[in-house]
Protein backbone atom coordinates (compact mmCIF):
# COMPACT_ATOMS: atom_id res chain seq x y z
CA MET A 1 -23.33 -42.98 12.96
CA LYS A 2 -20.14 -41.18 16.10
CA GLN A 3 -21.07 -38.33 17.75
CA PHE A 4 -17.97 -36.62 16.58
CA ILE A 5 -15.48 -37.00 14.84
CA LYS A 6 -11.62 -35.01 14.77
CA ILE A 7 -9.75 -34.59 11.61
CA ALA A 8 -6.88 -32.95 12.18
CA SER A 9 -4.34 -31.34 9.28
CA GLY A 10 -1.12 -32.38 8.83
CA GLN A 11 0.42 -29.88 5.87
CA GLY A 12 -0.65 -27.04 4.35
CA PHE A 13 1.59 -27.79 0.78
CA TRP A 14 4.07 -29.24 -0.33
CA GLY A 15 7.30 -28.09 1.83
CA ASP A 16 4.93 -27.78 4.90
CA LEU A 17 6.40 -29.01 8.70
CA ILE A 18 7.72 -31.76 7.77
CA ASP A 19 6.47 -33.48 11.54
CA ALA A 20 3.08 -31.74 12.05
CA PRO A 21 1.70 -35.42 10.96
CA VAL A 22 3.95 -36.56 13.26
CA HIS A 23 2.87 -34.72 16.28
CA GLN A 24 -0.52 -34.55 15.36
CA ALA A 25 -1.08 -38.30 15.40
CA GLU A 26 1.49 -38.62 18.69
CA LYS A 27 0.03 -35.34 20.64
CA GLY A 28 -3.71 -36.11 21.12
CA GLU A 29 -6.32 -38.46 19.55
CA ILE A 30 -7.55 -37.87 15.59
CA ASP A 31 -9.52 -40.40 13.34
CA TYR A 32 -9.09 -38.60 10.27
CA LEU A 33 -5.61 -37.10 9.06
CA MET A 34 -5.95 -34.72 6.31
CA MET A 35 -2.65 -33.36 4.38
CA ASP A 36 -2.93 -31.33 1.13
CA TYR A 37 0.05 -31.52 -0.80
CA LEU A 38 -1.31 -29.80 -3.60
CA ALA A 39 -1.03 -25.29 -5.12
CA GLU A 40 -1.33 -25.08 -8.84
CA VAL A 41 2.27 -25.07 -9.79
CA THR A 42 2.32 -28.24 -7.70
CA MET A 43 0.70 -30.09 -10.99
CA SER A 44 3.18 -29.11 -13.82
CA ILE A 45 6.28 -30.07 -11.15
CA LEU A 46 5.29 -33.16 -10.75
CA GLN A 47 3.85 -33.81 -14.69
CA LYS A 48 7.69 -32.82 -15.65
CA GLN A 49 9.01 -35.42 -12.74
CA LYS A 50 6.94 -37.77 -13.99
CA LEU A 51 8.02 -37.70 -17.80
CA LYS A 52 11.58 -37.79 -16.44
CA ASN A 53 10.55 -41.23 -14.63
CA PRO A 54 7.39 -42.49 -14.61
CA ASP A 55 7.82 -44.38 -10.88
CA HIS A 56 7.37 -40.41 -9.32
CA GLY A 57 5.27 -37.35 -10.11
CA TYR A 58 3.92 -37.97 -6.49
CA ALA A 59 5.37 -35.31 -2.90
CA ARG A 60 8.63 -37.16 -2.65
CA ASP A 61 7.84 -36.62 1.48
CA ILE A 62 4.74 -38.65 1.98
CA PRO A 63 7.21 -42.48 1.77
CA GLU A 64 10.00 -40.65 4.16
CA LEU A 65 6.36 -39.82 6.16
CA MET A 66 5.08 -43.21 6.66
CA GLU A 67 8.02 -45.05 8.35
CA ARG A 68 6.27 -42.71 10.89
CA LEU A 69 2.68 -42.32 10.75
CA LEU A 70 2.46 -46.09 9.65
CA PRO A 71 3.26 -47.53 13.07
CA LEU A 72 0.68 -45.13 14.15
CA LEU A 73 -2.27 -46.06 12.28
CA LYS A 74 -2.14 -48.90 13.17
CA GLU A 75 -2.14 -48.58 16.81
CA LYS A 76 -4.14 -45.78 17.10
CA GLY A 77 -6.53 -46.85 14.29
CA PHE A 78 -7.18 -42.44 12.11
CA LYS A 79 -7.88 -42.50 8.47
CA ILE A 80 -4.85 -40.47 5.98
CA ILE A 81 -6.47 -38.68 3.13
CA THR A 82 -3.95 -36.54 0.80
CA ASN A 83 -3.96 -35.77 -2.38
CA GLY A 84 -0.35 -35.80 -2.34
CA GLY A 85 -1.16 -38.57 -5.63
CA GLY A 86 0.07 -36.14 -7.58
CA VAL A 87 0.23 -37.01 -11.14
CA ASN A 88 0.76 -40.25 -9.74
CA PRO A 89 -0.93 -41.26 -7.15
CA VAL A 90 -0.94 -45.54 -8.18
CA ALA A 91 3.04 -44.64 -7.90
CA CYS A 92 2.58 -43.14 -4.56
CA LYS A 93 0.37 -45.83 -3.35
CA ASP A 94 3.56 -48.29 -4.84
CA ALA A 95 6.05 -46.12 -2.46
CA VAL A 96 3.44 -46.44 0.57
CA PHE A 97 3.14 -50.19 0.64
CA SER A 98 7.18 -50.64 0.28
CA VAL A 99 7.69 -48.73 3.71
CA ALA A 100 4.59 -50.71 5.68
CA LYS A 101 6.68 -54.34 4.13
CA LYS A 102 10.05 -52.53 5.20
CA LEU A 103 8.16 -52.35 8.36
CA GLY A 104 6.80 -55.14 8.39
CA ILE A 105 3.40 -54.05 8.65
CA SER A 106 0.13 -55.02 6.82
CA GLY A 107 -3.73 -55.45 6.40
CA ILE A 108 -3.81 -51.77 4.38
CA LYS A 109 -6.04 -50.81 2.56
CA ILE A 110 -5.22 -47.97 0.58
CA GLY A 111 -8.08 -46.49 -1.38
CA VAL A 112 -6.64 -44.30 -4.52
CA VAL A 113 -8.74 -41.70 -6.44
CA THR A 114 -7.94 -40.91 -10.72
CA GLY A 115 -9.25 -39.58 -13.62
CA ASP A 116 -7.86 -36.50 -12.25
CA ASN A 117 -5.35 -36.34 -15.03
CA ILE A 118 -7.14 -34.86 -18.64
CA LEU A 119 -4.17 -34.03 -20.14
CA GLU A 120 -3.26 -36.42 -23.03
CA ARG A 121 -7.62 -35.76 -23.49
CA ILE A 122 -7.25 -32.45 -24.74
CA ASP A 123 -7.14 -32.92 -28.83
CA GLU A 124 -10.87 -35.48 -28.00
CA LEU A 125 -12.24 -32.74 -25.96
CA PHE A 126 -11.52 -30.26 -28.76
CA SER A 127 -12.79 -32.50 -31.30
CA GLU A 128 -16.30 -32.18 -29.32
CA GLY A 129 -16.11 -28.32 -29.65
CA ILE A 130 -14.86 -28.36 -25.30
CA LEU A 131 -12.51 -25.23 -25.59
CA LEU A 132 -11.72 -25.16 -22.23
CA ASN A 133 -11.40 -21.07 -22.18
CA ASN A 134 -9.71 -19.06 -20.47
CA MET A 135 -11.46 -18.55 -17.11
CA GLU A 136 -10.63 -14.70 -16.85
CA THR A 137 -9.95 -14.32 -21.05
CA GLY A 138 -12.27 -15.78 -22.92
CA GLU A 139 -9.18 -17.05 -24.42
CA SER A 140 -9.65 -20.87 -26.33
CA ALA A 141 -7.04 -22.57 -25.01
CA GLU A 142 -6.29 -23.28 -28.25
CA ALA A 143 -3.49 -20.85 -28.33
CA ILE A 144 -1.67 -22.99 -25.67
CA LYS A 145 -3.12 -26.28 -26.32
CA ASP A 146 0.53 -27.06 -28.11
CA LYS A 147 3.16 -26.19 -25.01
CA LEU A 148 0.55 -27.63 -21.68
CA LEU A 149 2.41 -29.10 -18.93
CA SER A 150 -0.12 -30.33 -16.93
CA ALA A 151 -4.35 -30.34 -16.67
CA ASN A 152 -5.82 -31.60 -13.72
CA VAL A 153 -9.38 -31.57 -12.96
CA TYR A 154 -10.76 -30.19 -9.52
CA LEU A 155 -12.99 -33.09 -8.06
CA GLY A 156 -14.85 -32.81 -4.87
CA ALA A 157 -15.77 -34.93 -2.48
CA ALA A 158 -17.72 -37.94 -3.99
CA PRO A 159 -14.58 -40.74 -4.64
CA VAL A 160 -12.97 -39.92 -1.78
CA VAL A 161 -16.44 -40.61 0.49
CA GLU A 162 -16.56 -44.17 -1.87
CA ALA A 163 -12.77 -44.69 -1.24
CA LEU A 164 -13.72 -44.72 2.93
CA LYS A 165 -16.60 -46.91 2.15
CA LEU A 166 -14.05 -49.51 0.22
CA GLY A 167 -12.77 -49.83 3.60
CA ALA A 168 -9.44 -47.77 2.66
CA ASP A 169 -7.54 -46.36 5.65
CA ILE A 170 -5.05 -44.31 3.42
CA VAL A 171 -6.65 -42.26 0.71
CA ILE A 172 -4.15 -40.96 -1.66
CA THR A 173 -6.10 -38.52 -4.78
CA GLY A 174 -4.86 -36.94 -7.53
CA ARG A 175 -6.19 -33.48 -7.67
CA VAL A 176 -9.05 -33.06 -5.34
CA THR A 177 -9.96 -30.15 -3.99
CA ASP A 178 -8.32 -28.99 -0.93
CA THR A 179 -11.41 -28.43 0.88
CA GLY A 180 -12.57 -32.09 -0.58
CA LEU A 181 -10.44 -33.90 1.84
CA THR A 182 -11.81 -32.36 5.03
CA LEU A 183 -15.46 -32.47 3.82
CA ALA A 184 -15.04 -36.77 2.65
CA PRO A 185 -15.15 -38.08 5.66
CA MET A 186 -17.53 -35.96 7.25
CA ILE A 187 -19.79 -37.09 4.41
CA TYR A 188 -18.47 -40.70 5.34
CA GLU A 189 -19.05 -40.89 8.88
CA PHE A 190 -22.57 -38.61 8.75
CA GLY A 191 -24.23 -40.67 6.26
CA TRP A 192 -24.39 -36.88 4.64
CA GLU A 193 -26.79 -36.51 1.09
CA MET A 194 -24.93 -35.30 -1.63
CA THR A 195 -27.83 -33.27 -2.21
CA ASP A 196 -27.68 -32.08 1.83
CA TRP A 197 -26.16 -28.26 0.40
CA ASP A 198 -26.01 -26.67 4.33
CA LYS A 199 -24.19 -29.86 5.63
CA LEU A 200 -21.40 -29.55 2.27
CA ALA A 201 -21.18 -25.90 2.60
CA ALA A 202 -20.27 -26.49 6.54
CA GLY A 203 -17.75 -29.07 6.25
CA THR A 204 -16.50 -26.80 2.83
CA VAL A 205 -15.67 -24.10 4.89
CA ALA A 206 -14.34 -26.26 7.88
CA GLY A 207 -12.26 -27.58 5.20
CA HIS A 208 -11.68 -24.29 3.96
CA ILE A 209 -10.13 -23.17 7.51
CA ILE A 210 -8.28 -26.55 7.61
CA GLU A 211 -6.51 -27.06 4.62
CA CYS A 212 -3.28 -24.73 4.68
CA GLY A 213 -1.85 -26.66 8.19
CA ALA A 214 -1.38 -23.43 10.76
CA GLN A 215 -2.08 -20.18 9.15
CA ALA A 216 -5.59 -20.97 11.14
CA SER A 217 -3.27 -22.18 14.44
CA GLY A 218 -1.38 -18.54 14.42
CA GLY A 219 0.82 -18.81 11.67
CA ASN A 220 1.67 -16.11 9.36
CA PHE A 221 -1.15 -14.02 11.41
CA LEU A 222 -1.80 -9.82 10.54
CA GLY A 223 -3.06 -9.25 14.03
CA ASP A 224 -1.00 -8.87 16.98
CA TRP A 225 1.83 -11.40 16.46
CA GLU A 226 3.51 -10.75 19.06
CA SER A 227 1.24 -12.52 21.07
CA ILE A 228 0.86 -15.98 19.18
CA PRO A 229 2.18 -18.02 21.60
CA ASP A 230 5.40 -20.49 21.10
CA LEU A 231 5.17 -20.38 17.41
CA ALA A 232 8.44 -22.65 16.88
CA ARG A 233 6.13 -25.82 18.36
CA VAL A 234 2.82 -24.48 16.50
CA GLY A 235 0.52 -26.98 16.47
CA PHE A 236 -1.77 -27.82 13.14
CA PRO A 237 -5.53 -26.91 13.46
CA ILE A 238 -7.79 -29.38 13.86
CA VAL A 239 -12.68 -29.52 13.44
CA GLU A 240 -14.21 -31.31 15.83
CA ALA A 241 -17.41 -31.69 13.40
CA TYR A 242 -20.60 -32.71 14.45
CA PRO A 243 -23.81 -34.61 12.45
CA ILE A 244 -25.62 -30.95 12.13
CA GLY A 245 -22.52 -28.67 10.90
CA THR A 246 -21.40 -27.62 13.51
CA PHE A 247 -17.77 -27.65 14.06
CA TYR A 248 -14.80 -26.60 15.80
CA ILE A 249 -12.41 -25.29 15.06
CA THR A 250 -9.36 -26.50 18.10
CA LYS A 251 -5.51 -27.78 18.79
CA HIS A 252 -3.37 -30.37 20.21
CA GLU A 253 -3.20 -29.16 24.16
CA GLY A 254 0.31 -27.77 24.59
CA THR A 255 0.76 -26.99 21.47
CA GLY A 256 1.82 -24.17 20.59
CA GLY A 257 0.10 -21.47 18.34
CA LEU A 258 -3.02 -19.51 19.34
CA VAL A 259 -6.85 -20.39 18.03
CA SER A 260 -9.56 -17.84 18.00
CA VAL A 261 -11.50 -15.72 16.37
CA GLU A 262 -9.92 -13.87 14.89
CA THR A 263 -6.94 -16.22 13.37
CA VAL A 264 -9.57 -18.41 12.03
CA SER A 265 -11.32 -15.09 11.05
CA GLU A 266 -8.11 -14.52 8.90
CA GLN A 267 -7.91 -18.32 6.84
CA LEU A 268 -11.55 -18.30 5.74
CA LEU A 269 -10.77 -14.39 3.78
CA TYR A 270 -7.61 -15.99 2.43
CA GLU A 271 -7.98 -16.77 -2.14
CA ILE A 272 -12.23 -16.35 -1.99
CA GLY A 273 -13.94 -13.98 -4.55
CA ASN A 274 -17.27 -13.06 -4.38
CA PRO A 275 -18.20 -14.64 -0.12
CA ALA A 276 -21.30 -14.93 -1.05
CA ASP A 277 -20.42 -17.83 -3.93
CA TYR A 278 -17.00 -19.75 -3.33
CA ILE A 279 -17.40 -22.62 -5.82
CA THR A 280 -16.63 -26.43 -4.87
CA PRO A 281 -16.96 -29.61 -7.39
CA ASP A 282 -19.51 -30.19 -4.33
CA CYS A 283 -21.27 -26.82 -3.16
CA ILE A 284 -21.31 -23.66 -3.44
CA ALA A 285 -20.74 -22.22 0.59
CA ASP A 286 -21.85 -19.14 1.61
CA PHE A 287 -19.12 -17.66 3.25
CA THR A 288 -21.25 -14.46 4.34
CA THR A 289 -24.02 -16.89 6.74
CA ILE A 290 -20.84 -18.06 8.50
CA ASN A 291 -20.97 -17.60 12.99
CA LEU A 292 -17.76 -17.58 14.63
CA SER A 293 -17.91 -17.60 19.43
CA GLN A 294 -14.46 -18.77 21.04
CA GLU A 295 -16.13 -21.33 22.92
CA SER A 296 -13.06 -21.69 25.30
CA LYS A 297 -9.36 -21.58 25.31
CA ASP A 298 -8.64 -22.52 20.99
CA ARG A 299 -12.24 -23.36 20.73
CA VAL A 300 -13.75 -21.57 17.97
CA LYS A 301 -17.67 -22.59 16.94
CA VAL A 302 -18.10 -22.17 13.61
CA TYR A 303 -21.91 -23.08 12.71
CA GLY A 304 -25.05 -21.59 10.68
CA VAL A 305 -23.09 -22.42 7.58
CA LYS A 306 -25.51 -22.31 4.16
CA GLY A 307 -24.73 -24.08 1.02
CA ARG A 308 -26.69 -23.77 -2.70
CA PRO A 309 -26.70 -26.37 -5.35
CA ALA A 310 -22.61 -27.05 -7.08
CA THR A 311 -22.91 -25.61 -10.14
CA ASP A 312 -23.02 -28.42 -13.65
CA PHE A 313 -19.33 -27.33 -13.97
CA TYR A 314 -15.77 -28.68 -13.11
CA LYS A 315 -12.15 -26.12 -13.02
CA VAL A 316 -9.20 -27.43 -14.73
CA SER A 317 -5.89 -26.05 -13.85
CA MET A 318 -3.94 -26.33 -16.51
CA SER A 319 0.06 -25.17 -16.74
CA TYR A 320 2.35 -24.65 -20.06
CA SER A 321 5.34 -23.44 -21.40
CA ASP A 322 5.44 -19.70 -21.90
CA GLY A 323 9.15 -19.22 -22.14
CA TYR A 324 12.37 -18.38 -20.12
CA SER A 325 12.86 -16.21 -16.93
CA ALA A 326 15.92 -15.01 -15.46
CA PHE A 327 17.18 -13.12 -12.06
CA SER A 328 19.97 -11.87 -10.24
CA THR A 329 21.02 -9.79 -7.19
CA LEU A 330 24.20 -7.61 -5.91
CA THR A 331 24.21 -5.72 -3.01
CA TYR A 332 24.64 -1.89 -2.63
CA CYS A 333 26.17 0.09 1.01
CA ALA A 334 25.95 3.29 1.76
CA PRO A 335 26.55 6.19 1.79
CA ASP A 336 23.87 6.28 -1.46
CA ALA A 337 22.69 2.53 -1.04
CA LEU A 338 19.28 3.21 -3.17
CA LYS A 339 21.63 5.98 -5.69
CA LYS A 340 23.86 3.12 -6.18
CA ALA A 341 21.24 1.08 -6.94
CA GLU A 342 19.55 2.96 -8.83
CA ALA A 343 22.17 3.62 -11.29
CA ALA A 344 23.58 -0.01 -11.49
CA ASP A 345 19.98 -0.50 -13.23
CA ARG A 346 19.67 2.64 -15.11
CA ILE A 347 23.51 1.13 -16.55
CA LEU A 348 22.05 -2.59 -16.89
CA ARG A 349 19.33 -2.29 -19.18
CA THR A 350 21.16 0.52 -21.50
CA ARG A 351 23.83 -2.69 -22.13
CA LEU A 352 20.89 -4.61 -22.94
CA SER A 353 18.64 -2.29 -25.05
CA ASP A 354 22.19 -0.92 -26.86
CA LEU A 355 23.01 -5.65 -27.11
CA ASN A 356 19.00 -5.66 -28.88
CA LEU A 357 17.90 -8.92 -26.95
CA LYS A 358 14.41 -8.87 -26.49
CA PHE A 359 12.47 -9.54 -23.46
CA ASP A 360 8.40 -9.82 -22.57
CA GLU A 361 9.74 -7.69 -19.65
CA ILE A 362 12.25 -6.41 -17.52
CA ARG A 363 11.49 -6.17 -13.41
CA THR A 364 13.18 -4.41 -11.07
CA GLU A 365 13.20 -4.36 -7.16
CA TYR A 366 14.67 -2.78 -4.61
CA LEU A 367 14.82 -5.11 -1.10
CA GLY A 368 14.93 -2.85 1.62
CA TYR A 369 13.05 0.18 -0.41
CA ASN A 370 10.34 -0.81 -2.36
CA SER A 371 10.04 -5.42 -2.59
CA CYS A 372 7.39 -5.38 -0.69
CA HIS A 373 4.98 -2.40 -1.43
CA GLY A 374 6.38 -0.72 -4.29
CA PRO A 375 5.54 2.46 -5.04
CA LEU A 376 3.69 3.24 -1.94
CA VAL A 377 7.10 3.13 -0.43
CA LYS A 378 7.76 7.20 0.76
CA ARG A 379 11.99 6.96 -0.71
CA ARG A 380 14.34 7.34 1.95
CA ASP A 381 17.94 8.21 0.92
CA ASP A 382 19.49 7.10 4.49
CA LEU A 383 19.31 3.07 4.06
CA SER A 384 22.38 0.84 5.13
CA GLU A 385 22.36 -0.79 2.32
CA VAL A 386 20.16 -2.19 -0.69
CA VAL A 387 19.31 -5.45 -2.45
CA LEU A 388 19.06 -5.15 -6.54
CA ARG A 389 17.10 -8.05 -7.70
CA ILE A 390 16.47 -7.50 -11.52
CA GLY A 391 15.12 -10.05 -13.53
CA VAL A 392 13.93 -10.78 -17.05
CA ARG A 393 11.60 -12.37 -19.69
CA SER A 394 11.59 -13.84 -22.36
CA HIS A 395 10.94 -16.32 -25.55
CA ASP A 396 14.39 -16.05 -26.49
CA ARG A 397 16.32 -18.32 -24.45
CA ALA A 398 19.22 -16.99 -25.56
CA SER A 399 18.10 -13.01 -25.28
CA VAL A 400 18.24 -14.35 -21.18
CA GLU A 401 21.31 -16.14 -21.37
CA ARG A 402 23.17 -13.23 -22.38
CA PHE A 403 21.23 -11.34 -19.72
CA GLY A 404 22.87 -13.43 -17.04
CA LYS A 405 26.35 -11.98 -18.62
CA GLU A 406 25.98 -8.60 -18.07
CA ILE A 407 25.43 -8.76 -14.37
CA ALA A 408 29.31 -9.59 -13.12
CA PRO A 409 30.55 -7.19 -15.15
CA LEU A 410 28.74 -4.35 -13.23
CA ILE A 411 30.15 -5.15 -10.49
CA LEU A 412 33.89 -3.31 -12.09
CA THR A 413 32.08 -1.05 -14.46
CA GLY A 414 28.99 -0.04 -12.39
CA PRO A 415 28.61 1.78 -9.02
CA PRO A 416 31.37 1.43 -5.59
CA GLY A 417 30.07 0.17 -2.98
CA VAL A 418 28.83 -3.56 -4.53
CA THR A 419 29.00 -7.19 -3.29
CA GLY A 420 26.07 -9.64 -2.86
CA PHE A 421 27.08 -11.50 -6.43
CA ALA A 422 27.45 -15.51 -5.71
CA GLY A 423 26.07 -18.64 -7.39
CA GLY A 424 27.59 -17.81 -11.04
CA ARG A 425 25.81 -16.02 -14.01
CA PRO A 426 21.96 -17.22 -13.10
CA LYS A 427 20.97 -19.74 -15.78
CA PRO A 428 17.83 -19.29 -17.73
CA SER A 429 14.59 -21.10 -16.16
CA GLU A 430 10.65 -22.04 -17.85
CA VAL A 431 8.41 -19.85 -17.30
CA VAL A 432 5.18 -21.88 -16.16
CA ALA A 433 2.03 -19.77 -17.26
CA TYR A 434 -1.56 -20.65 -15.33
CA TRP A 435 -4.25 -21.31 -17.71
CA PRO A 436 -7.74 -21.68 -15.37
CA ALA A 437 -10.62 -23.14 -17.21
CA LEU A 438 -13.68 -24.88 -16.72
CA ILE A 439 -15.06 -28.53 -18.18
CA PRO A 440 -18.61 -29.78 -18.14
CA LYS A 441 -19.09 -33.04 -14.90
CA ASN A 442 -20.12 -35.05 -17.72
CA LYS A 443 -17.27 -34.99 -19.61
CA VAL A 444 -15.24 -36.27 -16.30
CA LYS A 445 -15.29 -39.99 -14.89
CA ALA A 446 -13.21 -40.64 -11.35
CA GLU A 447 -12.19 -43.83 -11.10
CA VAL A 448 -11.82 -45.36 -7.80
CA SER A 449 -9.45 -48.63 -6.82
CA LEU A 450 -8.66 -50.01 -3.53
CA TYR A 451 -4.95 -52.11 -3.34
CA GLU A 452 -3.99 -53.63 0.04
CA LEU A 453 -1.47 -54.93 1.33
């Protein structure tokens, strides 16, 4: 058993800093590079891409990135774990092998985790009485069954552990939890049992801290953000984990950003409900038991985490088509910039009403005035400019299309001092809605396959 392992965060979402994984591999020693690509809406985007091309459906940044990472992996011996396989991890594996062949690299083993995608099983599940009720409203998924775009189970760390036991150098998964990507190498390296609830909870907390990349090392920091050094060269966080469940958050020496109790604490509060019940497929972590201490510069100790047994359910992230939307903007200048923008909004709404168009929602924001804080903002009439941003949502595509034809006319038939209309008429885009549900774990089977080049 290793004394400790280092797990580096390489991506916090699809679209994060493309150089971050390479810097993590180049600037110091690591054992694992964890790259988290998936958000709820990402799965529906990838599913639509796969429907257009059966070879797509994964994070398309990965092959280009692997051209730089594979030589480093062979040289330094670290492993890569990523859920960037999306809805097509097998195709992602093929793309990585193509890169390896191009580079003349062989001896690469890739573990692929599948089984999370249950879109084709919806009718079967319904016939068994598993109605995938909405976790927030209780409504049966029967109402949206025919409009589903994606349906993916949040698998935990176990199949990733299995892939590592098979000897994988790279593990590519579909919808595995963000935390599971970091927890898995701890279970594998330290021989933790899947019932070591406190240790699993510690690994889960570690995964939660680094799942959003540099958000734990000074990025997006709400505290004294101006004091964060060299954000342009921010170093992504690294977990230095120990067999007893204690771990440290740090980053490579010489990189920008900051790892402090404050930056780590902010990330711990990210996207949690009841802090005493952070539910994952692997365990329930009690965030109220977490202890933090600043050990040295850019090094925070995390210890004392308690956990409880996992539930009998997996969470299911589903998305479905829910109509159409369109947005457009116009900019109004002083004097009376806000009054002009408000008048333009009233004129446009009157015209839409006169046309008897059908909208589920019309939303107006005044950028530069209240788009961030809404009704909490105190009115100001001395603004030098205001951007009117208005959008509509409807199940009637024709109404949304007509809305797009009513924006440009405001330039010559509305208040003066207007600019900023560009890009032509706004076009309807599909509204993708989110549907969270639960499914019994015994109805889902994760599959692990190992491939070698």
